Protein backbone atom coordinates (compact mmCIF):
# COMPACT_ATOMS: atom_id res chain seq x y z
CA UNK A 1 -1.28 24.25 -77.00
CA UNK A 2 -1.92 22.12 -74.02
CA UNK A 3 -2.70 18.46 -74.50
CA UNK A 4 -5.01 16.71 -72.11
CA UNK A 5 -3.44 13.60 -70.64
CA UNK A 6 -5.71 10.92 -69.22
CA UNK A 7 -3.83 9.18 -66.44
CA UNK A 8 -5.12 6.08 -64.71
CA UNK A 9 -6.04 6.35 -61.05
CA UNK A 10 -3.93 4.89 -58.28
CA UNK A 11 -5.52 1.85 -56.64
CA UNK A 12 -5.80 3.39 -53.17
CA UNK A 13 -7.57 1.06 -50.76
CA UNK A 14 -7.84 -1.81 -53.26
CA UNK A 15 -6.23 -4.94 -51.83
CA UNK A 16 -7.69 -7.69 -54.01
CA UNK A 17 -6.51 -8.56 -57.49
CA UNK A 18 -10.07 -9.20 -58.67
CA UNK A 19 -11.19 -5.65 -57.81
CA UNK A 20 -8.00 -4.10 -59.15
CA UNK A 21 -8.09 -5.89 -62.51
CA UNK A 22 -11.76 -4.93 -62.86
CA UNK A 23 -11.05 -1.25 -62.25
CA UNK A 24 -9.42 1.41 -64.41
CA UNK A 25 -6.47 1.79 -62.04
CA UNK A 26 -2.73 1.47 -62.51
CA UNK A 27 -1.46 -2.07 -61.98
CA UNK A 28 2.23 -3.00 -62.02
CA UNK A 29 2.59 -6.67 -62.96
CA UNK A 30 4.63 -8.39 -60.27
CA UNK A 31 3.61 -11.91 -61.18
CA UNK A 32 7.20 -12.66 -62.24
CA UNK A 33 8.15 -12.12 -58.58
CA UNK A 34 5.24 -14.28 -57.41
CA UNK A 35 6.36 -17.12 -59.68
CA UNK A 36 9.95 -16.78 -58.46
CA UNK A 37 8.75 -16.88 -54.83
CA UNK A 38 6.54 -19.92 -55.48
CA UNK A 39 9.44 -21.85 -57.02
CA UNK A 40 11.72 -21.17 -54.02
CA UNK A 41 11.51 -23.76 -51.23
CA UNK A 42 11.00 -22.64 -47.65
CA UNK A 43 8.99 -20.10 -45.70
CA UNK A 44 8.99 -16.36 -46.27
CA UNK A 45 8.32 -13.27 -44.18
CA UNK A 46 6.99 -10.32 -46.17
CA UNK A 47 8.08 -7.15 -44.44
CA UNK A 48 7.31 -3.81 -46.06
CA UNK A 49 6.05 -0.48 -44.75
CA UNK A 50 2.33 0.23 -44.54
CA UNK A 51 0.50 0.65 -47.86
CA UNK A 52 3.28 -1.01 -49.91
CA UNK A 53 1.04 -3.71 -51.44
CA UNK A 54 1.57 -6.64 -49.07
CA UNK A 55 -2.12 -7.57 -48.99
CA UNK A 56 -2.44 -7.25 -52.76
CA UNK A 57 0.62 -9.46 -53.30
CA UNK A 58 -0.68 -12.13 -50.91
CA UNK A 59 -4.08 -11.98 -52.62
CA UNK A 60 -2.29 -12.40 -55.97
CA UNK A 61 -0.65 -15.57 -54.63
CA UNK A 62 -4.06 -16.80 -53.44
CA UNK A 63 -5.61 -16.24 -56.87
CA UNK A 64 -2.71 -18.08 -58.55
CA UNK A 65 -3.05 -21.10 -56.26
CA UNK A 66 -6.85 -21.16 -56.65
CA UNK A 67 -6.32 -21.30 -60.43
CA UNK A 68 -8.18 -18.11 -61.37
CA UNK A 69 -6.60 -17.94 -64.83
CA UNK A 70 -8.87 -15.20 -66.18
CA UNK A 71 -7.42 -12.64 -63.74
CA UNK A 72 -3.94 -13.21 -65.17
CA UNK A 73 -4.67 -12.80 -68.88
CA UNK A 74 -2.05 -10.49 -70.35
CA UNK A 75 0.27 -10.82 -67.34
CA UNK A 76 3.70 -12.46 -67.14
CA UNK A 77 2.55 -15.60 -65.34
CA UNK A 78 -0.38 -16.40 -67.64
CA UNK A 79 1.46 -18.77 -69.98
CA UNK A 80 3.97 -19.97 -67.38
CA UNK A 81 1.58 -21.52 -64.82
CA UNK A 82 -0.39 -24.78 -64.99
CA UNK A 83 -3.91 -23.42 -64.45
CA UNK A 84 -5.41 -26.92 -64.32
CA UNK A 85 -3.77 -27.44 -60.91
CA UNK A 86 -5.59 -25.85 -57.99
CA UNK A 87 -4.48 -25.71 -54.38
CA UNK A 88 -6.57 -25.08 -51.26
CA UNK A 89 -5.90 -21.68 -49.68
CA UNK A 90 -6.57 -20.67 -46.08
CA UNK A 91 -6.80 -16.91 -45.67
CA UNK A 92 -6.54 -15.28 -42.25
CA UNK A 93 -7.09 -11.53 -42.23
CA UNK A 94 -5.83 -9.57 -39.22
CA UNK A 95 -6.75 -6.18 -40.72
CA UNK A 96 -9.80 -5.65 -38.48
CA UNK A 97 -8.18 -7.17 -35.40
CA UNK A 98 -10.90 -9.84 -35.21
CA UNK A 99 -10.53 -13.56 -35.86
């Protein structure tokens, strides 16, 4: 009597919230941490080992500041953020080693 369990895939190699939310992969909502970070004054250094979601977290912050409300439907931050306010975002990607 074995039951088949359908598990979601891990989001390996996905570093943008848009792609992740559009896929059928596991997503752990960390928008409560993003909101907490946004409300703290000062500068921050995100230091985590490789493949620990730094790029995805920074992309999540970008999407919040750009006001992409649809991506956050059903997530913690959805009803706690003023989506009518948008902020310009400059993204510099060092992943390929080219500027």
